[in-house]
Amino acid sequence: MASRKTETNNSRQTRIAEMRRADQSRDRRNKAIAITASAAIVTVLIGFGAWVMVDQQNKKDADEAKAKAPVQGEQTWDAKTLGRKHVETPVKYEMNPPVGGDHNPRWMNCNGDVYTNPIPEINAVHSLEHGAVWVTYNDKAAKADVDKLAAKVAKTPYTLMSPDKEQTGAIMLSAWGKQLTVDTADDARVATFLTKYVQGAQTPEPGAACTNGLADK
């Protein structure tokens, strides 16, 4: 009787030990799986984070390269050769509309100002010195294009617009040392020129006022 009871106890203890070993083995296996899964997730997150950083840097580099690249078809003058003196006398400019040079002490208001009559060049050039983009047009420009440009200028600080019957192109955009000629207001380069040169790197006096100047002739 005693030996049978002892045998039963031994069998029970053996089964318990086996169950414990199985539980321990399962726990170790689950831990290993969890660690492996966690490591894989961390690796994926690190890889994704690195990809995001590289992608952001690539976009930044592309934006910087785009900002430095000239607008297709634009003309450029060496800013060092453009005078910047304040003068009270008329100035003869080498280009029309002018993109820089000596100018009147008063600037044209250029806080999205749309002028329906021609404006004095010597005042508009001062506006360019402050970082404005000057949009001009002649009789070749369609009224619809003039209206679109006027609406865009009106919403854009550091811009001004006026007619210029003497210019060669239908629509011309001028910044200090920069000029672009287009045929229509829908030309994608209009937006590019404005984005690049309104208070752009070419500006001799960034942040200078575009209000409290000359309002009209």
N, C-alpha and C. Protein backbone atom coordinates (compact mmCIF):
# COMPACT_ATOMS: atom_id res chain seq x y z
N MET A 1 0.83 -1.20 0.00
CA MET A 1 0.00 0.00 0.00
C MET A 1 0.86 1.24 0.00
N ALA A 2 1.84 1.23 0.91
CA ALA A 2 2.74 2.38 1.05
C ALA A 2 3.54 2.59 -0.21
N SER A 3 4.04 1.47 -0.79
CA SER A 3 4.87 1.60 -1.99
C SER A 3 4.04 2.12 -3.16
N ARG A 4 2.72 1.66 -3.23
CA ARG A 4 1.88 2.13 -4.32
C ARG A 4 1.60 3.63 -4.18
N LYS A 5 1.41 4.07 -2.91
CA LYS A 5 1.16 5.48 -2.67
C LYS A 5 2.38 6.30 -3.02
N THR A 6 3.56 5.73 -2.67
CA THR A 6 4.82 6.42 -2.97
C THR A 6 5.00 6.54 -4.48
N GLU A 7 4.65 5.45 -5.18
CA GLU A 7 4.77 5.45 -6.64
C GLU A 7 3.84 6.48 -7.26
N THR A 8 2.64 6.58 -6.70
CA THR A 8 1.67 7.55 -7.20
C THR A 8 2.17 8.97 -6.99
N ASN A 9 2.75 9.21 -5.79
CA ASN A 9 3.29 10.55 -5.49
C ASN A 9 4.44 10.89 -6.43
N ASN A 10 5.29 9.88 -6.67
CA ASN A 10 6.44 10.11 -7.56
C ASN A 10 5.96 10.44 -8.98
N SER A 11 4.91 9.73 -9.44
CA SER A 11 4.38 9.97 -10.78
C SER A 11 3.79 11.36 -10.87
N ARG A 12 3.07 11.75 -9.78
CA ARG A 12 2.47 13.07 -9.77
C ARG A 12 3.54 14.15 -9.82
N GLN A 13 4.59 13.98 -9.00
CA GLN A 13 5.68 14.96 -8.96
C GLN A 13 6.41 15.03 -10.30
N THR A 14 6.54 13.84 -10.94
CA THR A 14 7.20 13.81 -12.25
C THR A 14 6.38 14.60 -13.27
N ARG A 15 5.03 14.37 -13.24
CA ARG A 15 4.18 15.10 -14.17
C ARG A 15 4.21 16.61 -13.90
N ILE A 16 4.21 16.95 -12.61
CA ILE A 16 4.28 18.37 -12.24
C ILE A 16 5.57 18.98 -12.73
N ALA A 17 6.67 18.24 -12.56
CA ALA A 17 7.98 18.73 -13.01
C ALA A 17 8.00 18.90 -14.52
N GLU A 18 7.41 17.92 -15.21
CA GLU A 18 7.35 18.01 -16.66
C GLU A 18 6.50 19.21 -17.10
N MET A 19 5.39 19.43 -16.38
CA MET A 19 4.54 20.56 -16.71
C MET A 19 5.27 21.87 -16.47
N ARG A 20 6.02 21.90 -15.36
CA ARG A 20 6.78 23.12 -15.06
C ARG A 20 7.85 23.37 -16.14
N ARG A 21 8.51 22.28 -16.54
CA ARG A 21 9.52 22.43 -17.59
C ARG A 21 8.88 22.90 -18.89
N ALA A 22 7.69 22.34 -19.17
CA ALA A 22 6.99 22.75 -20.39
C ALA A 22 6.59 24.23 -20.30
N ASP A 23 6.10 24.63 -19.10
CA ASP A 23 5.73 26.04 -18.91
C ASP A 23 6.95 26.94 -19.05
N GLN A 24 8.06 26.53 -18.45
CA GLN A 24 9.28 27.32 -18.53
C GLN A 24 9.79 27.40 -19.97
N SER A 25 9.69 26.27 -20.66
CA SER A 25 10.12 26.26 -22.06
C SER A 25 9.23 27.17 -22.90
N ARG A 26 7.91 27.11 -22.63
CA ARG A 26 6.98 27.97 -23.36
C ARG A 26 7.24 29.44 -23.06
N ASP A 27 7.52 29.73 -21.76
CA ASP A 27 7.81 31.11 -21.36
C ASP A 27 9.07 31.61 -22.07
N ARG A 28 10.11 30.76 -22.10
CA ARG A 28 11.35 31.16 -22.77
C ARG A 28 11.12 31.38 -24.25
N ARG A 29 10.30 30.50 -24.85
CA ARG A 29 10.01 30.65 -26.27
C ARG A 29 9.20 31.93 -26.53
N ASN A 30 8.22 32.20 -25.67
CA ASN A 30 7.42 33.42 -25.83
C ASN A 30 8.28 34.67 -25.64
N LYS A 31 9.18 34.62 -24.66
CA LYS A 31 10.07 35.76 -24.44
C LYS A 31 10.98 35.97 -25.65
N ALA A 32 11.49 34.87 -26.18
CA ALA A 32 12.36 34.96 -27.36
C ALA A 32 11.61 35.56 -28.54
N ILE A 33 10.35 35.12 -28.70
CA ILE A 33 9.53 35.64 -29.79
C ILE A 33 9.28 37.13 -29.57
N ALA A 34 8.94 37.48 -28.31
CA ALA A 34 8.67 38.89 -28.00
C ALA A 34 9.89 39.76 -28.23
N ILE A 35 11.05 39.26 -27.79
CA ILE A 35 12.30 40.02 -27.98
C ILE A 35 12.61 40.18 -29.46
N THR A 36 12.44 39.08 -30.20
CA THR A 36 12.70 39.13 -31.64
C THR A 36 11.75 40.11 -32.33
N ALA A 37 10.46 40.04 -31.94
CA ALA A 37 9.47 40.94 -32.53
C ALA A 37 9.78 42.39 -32.18
N SER A 38 10.15 42.63 -30.91
CA SER A 38 10.48 43.99 -30.48
C SER A 38 11.69 44.51 -31.23
N ALA A 39 12.69 43.64 -31.38
CA ALA A 39 13.89 44.05 -32.11
C ALA A 39 13.56 44.39 -33.56
N ALA A 40 12.67 43.57 -34.14
CA ALA A 40 12.27 43.82 -35.53
C ALA A 40 11.53 45.14 -35.65
N ILE A 41 10.63 45.41 -34.67
CA ILE A 41 9.88 46.67 -34.69
C ILE A 41 10.82 47.85 -34.53
N VAL A 42 11.76 47.74 -33.59
CA VAL A 42 12.75 48.81 -33.38
C VAL A 42 13.56 49.05 -34.64
N THR A 43 13.96 47.94 -35.28
CA THR A 43 14.74 48.06 -36.51
C THR A 43 13.94 48.77 -37.59
N VAL A 44 12.65 48.40 -37.71
CA VAL A 44 11.79 49.03 -38.70
C VAL A 44 11.62 50.52 -38.40
N LEU A 45 11.39 50.83 -37.10
CA LEU A 45 11.21 52.23 -36.72
C LEU A 45 12.46 53.05 -36.98
N ILE A 46 13.61 52.47 -36.64
CA ILE A 46 14.88 53.17 -36.89
C ILE A 46 15.07 53.39 -38.39
N GLY A 47 14.77 52.31 -39.14
CA GLY A 47 14.91 52.42 -40.59
C GLY A 47 13.95 53.45 -41.17
N PHE A 48 12.72 53.47 -40.67
CA PHE A 48 11.73 54.44 -41.15
C PHE A 48 12.15 55.85 -40.77
N GLY A 49 12.63 56.00 -39.52
CA GLY A 49 13.09 57.32 -39.09
C GLY A 49 14.25 57.82 -39.93
N ALA A 50 15.17 56.91 -40.23
CA ALA A 50 16.31 57.28 -41.07
C ALA A 50 15.84 57.66 -42.47
N TRP A 51 14.87 56.90 -42.99
CA TRP A 51 14.33 57.21 -44.32
C TRP A 51 13.66 58.57 -44.34
N VAL A 52 12.88 58.86 -43.28
CA VAL A 52 12.21 60.16 -43.19
C VAL A 52 13.23 61.29 -43.17
N MET A 53 14.31 61.12 -42.37
CA MET A 53 15.34 62.14 -42.28
C MET A 53 16.04 62.35 -43.62
N VAL A 54 16.35 61.24 -44.28
CA VAL A 54 17.01 61.34 -45.58
C VAL A 54 16.07 61.99 -46.60
N ASP A 55 14.79 61.59 -46.55
CA ASP A 55 13.81 62.16 -47.48
C ASP A 55 13.65 63.67 -47.25
N GLN A 56 13.58 64.07 -45.98
CA GLN A 56 13.46 65.49 -45.65
C GLN A 56 14.69 66.26 -46.10
N GLN A 57 15.86 65.67 -45.90
CA GLN A 57 17.10 66.33 -46.31
C GLN A 57 17.15 66.47 -47.83
N ASN A 58 16.71 65.40 -48.53
CA ASN A 58 16.69 65.46 -50.00
C ASN A 58 15.75 66.55 -50.49
N LYS A 59 14.57 66.66 -49.83
CA LYS A 59 13.62 67.71 -50.21
C LYS A 59 14.19 69.09 -49.92
N LYS A 60 14.89 69.21 -48.77
CA LYS A 60 15.50 70.49 -48.42
C LYS A 60 16.56 70.87 -49.43
N ASP A 61 17.40 69.88 -49.80
CA ASP A 61 18.45 70.13 -50.80
C ASP A 61 17.83 70.53 -52.14
N ALA A 62 16.74 69.84 -52.50
CA ALA A 62 16.07 70.15 -53.78
C ALA A 62 15.48 71.56 -53.75
N ASP A 63 14.88 71.93 -52.60
CA ASP A 63 14.30 73.27 -52.48
C ASP A 63 15.38 74.34 -52.54
N GLU A 64 16.53 74.07 -51.89
CA GLU A 64 17.63 75.03 -51.91
C GLU A 64 18.20 75.17 -53.32
N ALA A 65 18.33 74.03 -54.01
CA ALA A 65 18.83 74.07 -55.38
C ALA A 65 17.87 74.83 -56.29
N LYS A 66 16.56 74.61 -56.07
CA LYS A 66 15.56 75.31 -56.86
C LYS A 66 15.59 76.81 -56.58
N ALA A 67 15.81 77.15 -55.30
CA ALA A 67 15.85 78.57 -54.93
C ALA A 67 17.05 79.27 -55.56
N LYS A 68 18.15 78.55 -55.72
CA LYS A 68 19.36 79.13 -56.29
C LYS A 68 19.32 79.16 -57.82
N ALA A 69 18.56 78.27 -58.40
CA ALA A 69 18.51 78.19 -59.87
C ALA A 69 17.76 79.38 -60.44
N PRO A 70 18.21 79.91 -61.56
CA PRO A 70 17.50 81.03 -62.20
C PRO A 70 16.16 80.58 -62.76
N VAL A 71 15.25 81.51 -62.87
CA VAL A 71 13.96 81.23 -63.51
C VAL A 71 14.22 81.12 -65.01
N GLN A 72 13.67 80.09 -65.63
CA GLN A 72 13.91 79.87 -67.06
C GLN A 72 13.53 81.11 -67.87
N GLY A 73 14.47 81.59 -68.66
CA GLY A 73 14.22 82.72 -69.54
C GLY A 73 14.47 84.08 -68.93
N GLU A 74 14.82 84.14 -67.66
CA GLU A 74 15.04 85.44 -67.03
C GLU A 74 16.35 86.07 -67.51
N GLN A 75 16.41 87.39 -67.48
CA GLN A 75 17.64 88.13 -67.73
C GLN A 75 18.21 88.59 -66.40
N THR A 76 19.54 88.60 -66.33
CA THR A 76 20.19 88.98 -65.08
C THR A 76 21.25 90.04 -65.34
N TRP A 77 21.30 91.03 -64.47
CA TRP A 77 22.35 92.06 -64.52
C TRP A 77 23.17 91.97 -63.25
N ASP A 78 24.44 92.24 -63.37
CA ASP A 78 25.33 92.20 -62.21
C ASP A 78 24.94 93.33 -61.25
N ALA A 79 24.53 92.95 -60.06
CA ALA A 79 24.07 93.95 -59.09
C ALA A 79 25.17 94.94 -58.73
N LYS A 80 26.43 94.51 -58.84
CA LYS A 80 27.54 95.39 -58.48
C LYS A 80 27.68 96.56 -59.45
N THR A 81 27.14 96.39 -60.66
CA THR A 81 27.26 97.46 -61.66
C THR A 81 26.05 98.40 -61.66
N LEU A 82 25.04 98.05 -60.85
CA LEU A 82 23.84 98.88 -60.78
C LEU A 82 24.01 99.93 -59.68
N GLY A 83 23.89 101.20 -60.05
CA GLY A 83 24.03 102.26 -59.06
C GLY A 83 22.93 102.22 -58.03
N ARG A 84 23.20 102.82 -56.87
CA ARG A 84 22.19 102.83 -55.80
C ARG A 84 22.12 104.20 -55.12
N LYS A 85 22.58 105.23 -55.81
CA LYS A 85 22.57 106.55 -55.21
C LYS A 85 21.17 107.16 -55.25
N HIS A 86 20.88 107.98 -54.25
CA HIS A 86 19.64 108.74 -54.26
C HIS A 86 19.87 110.05 -55.00
N VAL A 87 19.07 110.27 -56.02
CA VAL A 87 19.24 111.47 -56.85
C VAL A 87 17.89 112.15 -57.06
N GLU A 88 17.92 113.44 -57.27
CA GLU A 88 16.70 114.22 -57.52
C GLU A 88 16.51 114.51 -59.00
N THR A 89 17.49 114.14 -59.82
CA THR A 89 17.46 114.40 -61.25
C THR A 89 17.01 113.17 -62.02
N PRO A 90 16.56 113.30 -63.25
CA PRO A 90 16.17 112.14 -64.07
C PRO A 90 17.35 111.19 -64.27
N VAL A 91 17.04 109.91 -64.43
CA VAL A 91 18.07 108.89 -64.65
C VAL A 91 17.76 108.16 -65.96
N LYS A 92 18.79 107.98 -66.77
CA LYS A 92 18.62 107.22 -68.02
C LYS A 92 19.04 105.78 -67.74
N TYR A 93 18.11 104.86 -67.80
CA TYR A 93 18.38 103.46 -67.50
C TYR A 93 18.70 102.69 -68.78
N GLU A 94 19.52 101.66 -68.67
CA GLU A 94 19.95 100.89 -69.84
C GLU A 94 18.92 99.84 -70.26
N MET A 95 17.93 99.59 -69.42
CA MET A 95 16.89 98.60 -69.76
C MET A 95 15.52 99.20 -69.42
N ASN A 96 14.49 98.67 -70.07
CA ASN A 96 13.14 99.15 -69.81
C ASN A 96 12.19 97.96 -69.68
N PRO A 97 11.51 97.84 -68.55
CA PRO A 97 11.62 98.66 -67.35
C PRO A 97 12.99 98.47 -66.67
N PRO A 98 13.43 99.45 -65.90
CA PRO A 98 14.72 99.32 -65.23
C PRO A 98 14.67 98.31 -64.10
N VAL A 99 15.80 97.66 -63.85
CA VAL A 99 15.88 96.66 -62.78
C VAL A 99 16.87 97.09 -61.69
N GLY A 100 17.26 98.34 -61.72
CA GLY A 100 18.19 98.84 -60.71
C GLY A 100 18.89 100.07 -61.22
N GLY A 101 19.61 100.72 -60.34
CA GLY A 101 20.34 101.93 -60.70
C GLY A 101 20.04 103.04 -59.71
N ASP A 102 20.63 104.19 -59.94
CA ASP A 102 20.36 105.35 -59.09
C ASP A 102 18.87 105.66 -59.16
N HIS A 103 18.33 106.23 -58.08
CA HIS A 103 16.89 106.41 -58.03
C HIS A 103 16.51 107.53 -57.07
N ASN A 104 15.25 107.90 -57.13
CA ASN A 104 14.73 108.96 -56.29
C ASN A 104 14.68 108.51 -54.83
N PRO A 105 14.86 109.40 -53.88
CA PRO A 105 14.80 109.03 -52.46
C PRO A 105 13.46 108.44 -52.03
N ARG A 106 12.39 108.77 -52.75
CA ARG A 106 11.07 108.23 -52.40
C ARG A 106 10.77 107.00 -53.26
N TRP A 107 10.28 105.98 -52.63
CA TRP A 107 9.89 104.76 -53.35
C TRP A 107 8.41 104.82 -53.68
N MET A 108 8.02 104.05 -54.69
CA MET A 108 6.59 103.87 -54.97
C MET A 108 6.02 102.91 -53.93
N ASN A 109 4.83 103.19 -53.46
CA ASN A 109 4.18 102.22 -52.58
C ASN A 109 4.08 100.88 -53.31
N CYS A 110 4.46 99.83 -52.61
CA CYS A 110 4.55 98.52 -53.27
C CYS A 110 4.00 97.41 -52.38
N ASN A 111 2.97 97.75 -51.65
CA ASN A 111 2.33 96.76 -50.78
C ASN A 111 1.14 96.14 -51.49
N GLY A 112 1.41 95.58 -52.69
CA GLY A 112 0.32 95.05 -53.51
C GLY A 112 -0.43 96.15 -54.23
N ASP A 113 0.30 97.24 -54.57
CA ASP A 113 -0.34 98.40 -55.21
C ASP A 113 -0.45 98.21 -56.72
N VAL A 114 -1.65 98.41 -57.24
CA VAL A 114 -1.91 98.29 -58.67
C VAL A 114 -2.22 99.69 -59.21
N TYR A 115 -1.33 100.19 -60.08
CA TYR A 115 -1.49 101.53 -60.66
C TYR A 115 -2.07 101.40 -62.07
N THR A 116 -3.06 102.20 -62.37
CA THR A 116 -3.68 102.15 -63.70
C THR A 116 -2.98 103.05 -64.70
N ASN A 117 -2.11 103.95 -64.21
CA ASN A 117 -1.34 104.84 -65.07
C ASN A 117 0.15 104.54 -64.93
N PRO A 118 0.95 104.90 -65.93
CA PRO A 118 2.40 104.72 -65.81
C PRO A 118 2.93 105.43 -64.56
N ILE A 119 3.97 104.88 -63.96
CA ILE A 119 4.54 105.46 -62.74
C ILE A 119 5.99 105.86 -63.01
N PRO A 120 6.55 106.77 -62.23
CA PRO A 120 7.93 107.22 -62.44
C PRO A 120 8.93 106.08 -62.19
N GLU A 121 9.76 105.83 -63.15
CA GLU A 121 10.75 104.76 -63.03
C GLU A 121 11.67 104.99 -61.83
N ILE A 122 12.08 106.24 -61.63
CA ILE A 122 13.06 106.53 -60.59
C ILE A 122 12.51 106.23 -59.19
N ASN A 123 11.20 106.20 -59.05
CA ASN A 123 10.60 105.82 -57.77
C ASN A 123 10.38 104.31 -57.69
N ALA A 124 9.99 103.72 -58.81
CA ALA A 124 9.77 102.27 -58.84
C ALA A 124 11.07 101.50 -58.59
N VAL A 125 12.18 102.02 -59.11
CA VAL A 125 13.47 101.36 -58.89
C VAL A 125 13.79 101.33 -57.40
N HIS A 126 13.43 102.39 -56.70
CA HIS A 126 13.65 102.40 -55.25
C HIS A 126 12.86 101.27 -54.59
N SER A 127 11.66 101.00 -55.11
CA SER A 127 10.85 99.89 -54.58
C SER A 127 11.56 98.55 -54.80
N LEU A 128 12.18 98.41 -55.97
CA LEU A 128 12.94 97.18 -56.23
C LEU A 128 14.08 97.02 -55.24
N GLU A 129 14.69 98.12 -54.89
CA GLU A 129 15.79 98.08 -53.92
C GLU A 129 15.30 97.53 -52.57
N HIS A 130 14.03 97.78 -52.28
CA HIS A 130 13.44 97.30 -51.02
C HIS A 130 12.96 95.85 -51.11
N GLY A 131 13.13 95.23 -52.28
CA GLY A 131 12.75 93.82 -52.42
C GLY A 131 11.43 93.59 -53.10
N ALA A 132 10.90 94.62 -53.77
CA ALA A 132 9.61 94.46 -54.46
C ALA A 132 9.82 93.87 -55.85
N VAL A 133 8.77 93.24 -56.37
CA VAL A 133 8.72 92.81 -57.76
C VAL A 133 7.72 93.74 -58.47
N TRP A 134 8.15 94.28 -59.60
CA TRP A 134 7.35 95.25 -60.36
C TRP A 134 6.81 94.56 -61.60
N VAL A 135 5.50 94.45 -61.70
CA VAL A 135 4.84 93.82 -62.85
C VAL A 135 4.37 94.93 -63.79
N THR A 136 4.78 94.84 -65.05
CA THR A 136 4.38 95.84 -66.04
C THR A 136 3.80 95.15 -67.27
N TYR A 137 3.03 95.90 -68.05
CA TYR A 137 2.40 95.33 -69.24
C TYR A 137 2.18 96.43 -70.28
N ASN A 138 2.06 96.01 -71.52
CA ASN A 138 1.77 96.97 -72.58
C ASN A 138 0.47 96.60 -73.29
N ASP A 139 0.22 97.22 -74.42
CA ASP A 139 -1.05 97.00 -75.13
C ASP A 139 -1.19 95.60 -75.72
N LYS A 140 -0.08 94.86 -75.80
CA LYS A 140 -0.14 93.49 -76.32
C LYS A 140 -0.78 92.53 -75.32
N ALA A 141 -0.78 92.89 -74.06
CA ALA A 141 -1.32 92.01 -73.01
C ALA A 141 -2.84 92.01 -73.06
N ALA A 142 -3.44 90.82 -73.01
CA ALA A 142 -4.90 90.70 -73.01
C ALA A 142 -5.48 91.23 -71.70
N LYS A 143 -6.64 91.82 -71.78
CA LYS A 143 -7.27 92.39 -70.59
C LYS A 143 -7.47 91.33 -69.51
N ALA A 144 -7.82 90.12 -69.91
CA ALA A 144 -8.01 89.04 -68.94
C ALA A 144 -6.73 88.76 -68.18
N ASP A 145 -5.60 88.81 -68.88
CA ASP A 145 -4.31 88.58 -68.23
C ASP A 145 -3.97 89.73 -67.29
N VAL A 146 -4.25 90.94 -67.72
CA VAL A 146 -4.00 92.11 -66.86
C VAL A 146 -4.83 92.01 -65.58
N ASP A 147 -6.07 91.60 -65.73
CA ASP A 147 -6.95 91.47 -64.56
C ASP A 147 -6.44 90.39 -63.61
N LYS A 148 -5.98 89.26 -64.15
CA LYS A 148 -5.45 88.18 -63.31
C LYS A 148 -4.21 88.64 -62.56
N LEU A 149 -3.34 89.33 -63.25
CA LEU A 149 -2.11 89.81 -62.62
C LEU A 149 -2.43 90.84 -61.54
N ALA A 150 -3.38 91.73 -61.84
CA ALA A 150 -3.77 92.74 -60.86
C ALA A 150 -4.31 92.10 -59.58
N ALA A 151 -5.11 91.05 -59.74
CA ALA A 151 -5.66 90.36 -58.58
C ALA A 151 -4.55 89.69 -57.77
N LYS A 152 -3.58 89.13 -58.47
CA LYS A 152 -2.47 88.46 -57.78
C LYS A 152 -1.58 89.47 -57.06
N VAL A 153 -1.28 90.56 -57.73
CA VAL A 153 -0.44 91.59 -57.12
C VAL A 153 -1.14 92.18 -55.89
N ALA A 154 -2.42 92.43 -56.00
CA ALA A 154 -3.18 93.03 -54.89
C ALA A 154 -3.10 92.19 -53.63
N LYS A 155 -2.87 90.88 -53.77
CA LYS A 155 -2.80 89.99 -52.62
C LYS A 155 -1.36 89.72 -52.19
N THR A 156 -0.39 90.34 -52.84
CA THR A 156 1.01 90.01 -52.58
C THR A 156 1.79 91.23 -52.07
N PRO A 157 2.13 91.27 -50.80
CA PRO A 157 2.96 92.37 -50.30
C PRO A 157 4.30 92.42 -51.04
N TYR A 158 4.88 93.60 -51.11
CA TYR A 158 6.14 93.84 -51.82
C TYR A 158 6.02 93.55 -53.32
N THR A 159 4.88 93.95 -53.87
CA THR A 159 4.72 93.94 -55.33
C THR A 159 4.01 95.22 -55.73
N LEU A 160 4.17 95.59 -56.99
CA LEU A 160 3.43 96.71 -57.57
C LEU A 160 3.24 96.43 -59.05
N MET A 161 2.28 97.09 -59.65
CA MET A 161 1.95 96.83 -61.05
C MET A 161 1.54 98.12 -61.72
N SER A 162 1.96 98.27 -62.98
CA SER A 162 1.60 99.48 -63.74
C SER A 162 1.76 99.21 -65.23
N PRO A 163 1.09 100.01 -66.07
CA PRO A 163 1.27 99.87 -67.53
C PRO A 163 2.57 100.52 -67.98
N ASP A 164 3.14 100.00 -69.07
CA ASP A 164 4.34 100.58 -69.67
C ASP A 164 4.26 100.33 -71.18
N LYS A 165 3.80 101.31 -71.92
CA LYS A 165 3.60 101.16 -73.36
C LYS A 165 4.91 101.00 -74.12
N GLU A 166 6.01 101.42 -73.53
CA GLU A 166 7.28 101.41 -74.23
C GLU A 166 8.04 100.08 -74.11
N GLN A 167 7.64 99.21 -73.23
CA GLN A 167 8.38 97.96 -73.06
C GLN A 167 8.13 97.03 -74.24
N THR A 168 9.08 96.13 -74.47
CA THR A 168 9.00 95.25 -75.64
C THR A 168 8.10 94.05 -75.42
N GLY A 169 8.08 93.50 -74.21
CA GLY A 169 7.27 92.32 -73.94
C GLY A 169 5.87 92.66 -73.50
N ALA A 170 4.94 91.74 -73.73
CA ALA A 170 3.55 91.98 -73.33
C ALA A 170 3.44 92.14 -71.82
N ILE A 171 4.07 91.23 -71.10
CA ILE A 171 4.07 91.26 -69.63
C ILE A 171 5.51 91.06 -69.17
N MET A 172 5.95 91.91 -68.27
CA MET A 172 7.32 91.81 -67.78
C MET A 172 7.33 91.92 -66.26
N LEU A 173 8.16 91.12 -65.63
CA LEU A 173 8.32 91.15 -64.18
C LEU A 173 9.76 91.54 -63.88
N SER A 174 9.93 92.53 -63.02
CA SER A 174 11.27 93.05 -62.72
C SER A 174 11.53 93.03 -61.23
N ALA A 175 12.71 92.58 -60.86
CA ALA A 175 13.22 92.66 -59.49
C ALA A 175 14.60 93.28 -59.60
N TRP A 176 15.25 93.56 -58.50
CA TRP A 176 16.58 94.18 -58.56
C TRP A 176 17.55 93.24 -59.29
N GLY A 177 17.98 93.65 -60.48
CA GLY A 177 18.93 92.86 -61.26
C GLY A 177 18.33 91.69 -62.01
N LYS A 178 17.00 91.53 -61.98
CA LYS A 178 16.34 90.38 -62.60
C LYS A 178 15.14 90.84 -63.42
N GLN A 179 14.90 90.16 -64.53
CA GLN A 179 13.73 90.50 -65.34
C GLN A 179 13.26 89.29 -66.16
N LEU A 180 11.96 89.14 -66.24
CA LEU A 180 11.35 88.03 -66.98
C LEU A 180 10.23 88.56 -67.86
N THR A 181 10.19 88.07 -69.10
CA THR A 181 9.13 88.43 -70.04
C THR A 181 8.26 87.22 -70.32
N VAL A 182 6.93 87.40 -70.21
CA VAL A 182 5.99 86.31 -70.50
C VAL A 182 4.86 86.85 -71.38
N ASP A 183 4.14 85.94 -71.97
CA ASP A 183 3.03 86.35 -72.85
C ASP A 183 1.68 86.36 -72.15
N THR A 184 1.53 85.50 -71.12
CA THR A 184 0.24 85.39 -70.44
C THR A 184 0.42 85.33 -68.92
N ALA A 185 -0.65 85.65 -68.23
CA ALA A 185 -0.62 85.60 -66.76
C ALA A 185 -0.57 84.17 -66.25
N ASP A 186 -0.98 83.22 -67.08
CA ASP A 186 -1.02 81.82 -66.66
C ASP A 186 0.34 81.12 -66.78
N ASP A 187 1.33 81.80 -67.31
CA ASP A 187 2.66 81.21 -67.41
C ASP A 187 3.15 80.87 -65.99
N ALA A 188 3.54 79.60 -65.79
CA ALA A 188 3.95 79.14 -64.46
C ALA A 188 5.14 79.92 -63.91
N ARG A 189 5.92 80.52 -64.79
CA ARG A 189 7.10 81.25 -64.33
C ARG A 189 6.75 82.54 -63.60
N VAL A 190 5.52 83.03 -63.78
CA VAL A 190 5.09 84.23 -63.05
C VAL A 190 5.12 83.94 -61.55
N ALA A 191 4.49 82.86 -61.14
CA ALA A 191 4.46 82.49 -59.72
C ALA A 191 5.86 82.18 -59.22
N THR A 192 6.66 81.51 -60.05
CA THR A 192 8.03 81.18 -59.65
C THR A 192 8.85 82.44 -59.42
N PHE A 193 8.72 83.40 -60.33
CA PHE A 193 9.47 84.66 -60.22
C PHE A 193 9.07 85.40 -58.95
N LEU A 194 7.78 85.48 -58.68
CA LEU A 194 7.31 86.16 -57.48
C LEU A 194 7.81 85.47 -56.21
N THR A 195 7.69 84.15 -56.19
CA THR A 195 8.14 83.40 -55.02
C THR A 195 9.63 83.59 -54.77
N LYS A 196 10.40 83.60 -55.84
CA LYS A 196 11.85 83.67 -55.73
C LYS A 196 12.35 85.07 -55.39
N TYR A 197 11.71 86.11 -55.94
CA TYR A 197 12.31 87.44 -55.85
C TYR A 197 11.56 88.46 -54.99
N VAL A 198 10.35 88.17 -54.55
CA VAL A 198 9.72 89.06 -53.57
C VAL A 198 10.51 88.93 -52.27
N GLN A 199 11.20 90.00 -51.89
CA GLN A 199 12.08 89.96 -50.72
C GLN A 199 13.11 88.83 -50.85
N GLY A 200 13.55 88.59 -52.08
CA GLY A 200 14.49 87.51 -52.34
C GLY A 200 15.93 87.87 -51.99
N ALA A 201 16.82 86.92 -52.28
CA ALA A 201 18.23 87.09 -51.93
C ALA A 201 18.88 88.23 -52.68
N GLN A 202 18.28 88.66 -53.79
CA GLN A 202 18.86 89.75 -54.60
C GLN A 202 18.60 91.12 -53.99
N THR A 203 17.72 91.18 -52.98
CA THR A 203 17.27 92.45 -52.41
C THR A 203 18.41 93.20 -51.71
N PRO A 204 18.73 94.42 -52.15
CA PRO A 204 19.78 95.19 -51.48
C PRO A 204 19.40 95.63 -50.06
N GLU A 205 18.10 95.95 -49.86
CA GLU A 205 17.65 96.42 -48.55
C GLU A 205 16.44 95.60 -48.09
N PRO A 206 16.66 94.34 -47.71
CA PRO A 206 15.54 93.49 -47.30
C PRO A 206 14.84 94.06 -46.06
N GLY A 207 13.52 94.02 -46.09
CA GLY A 207 12.74 94.48 -44.96
C GLY A 207 12.44 95.96 -44.95
N ALA A 208 13.04 96.71 -45.89
CA ALA A 208 12.74 98.14 -45.97
C ALA A 208 11.28 98.34 -46.37
N ALA A 209 10.76 99.52 -46.06
CA ALA A 209 9.32 99.77 -46.20
C ALA A 209 8.84 99.73 -47.65
N CYS A 210 7.58 99.31 -47.81
CA CYS A 210 6.91 99.38 -49.11
C CYS A 210 5.64 100.20 -48.99
N THR A 211 5.48 100.88 -47.87
CA THR A 211 4.37 101.79 -47.65
C THR A 211 4.92 103.16 -47.28
N ASN A 212 4.02 104.14 -47.19
CA ASN A 212 4.41 105.53 -46.85
C ASN A 212 5.39 106.13 -47.87
N GLY A 213 5.29 105.64 -49.10
CA GLY A 213 6.10 106.20 -50.18
C GLY A 213 5.23 107.05 -51.09
N LEU A 214 5.56 107.04 -52.37
CA LEU A 214 4.79 107.79 -53.37
C LEU A 214 3.60 106.93 -53.79
N ALA A 215 2.41 107.51 -53.72
CA ALA A 215 1.21 106.75 -54.03
C ALA A 215 0.86 106.80 -55.51
N ASP A 216 1.19 107.88 -56.19
CA ASP A 216 0.90 107.98 -57.62
C ASP A 216 1.66 109.18 -58.14
N LYS A 217 1.53 109.41 -59.46
CA LYS A 217 2.22 110.55 -60.08
C LYS A 217 1.65 111.85 -59.55
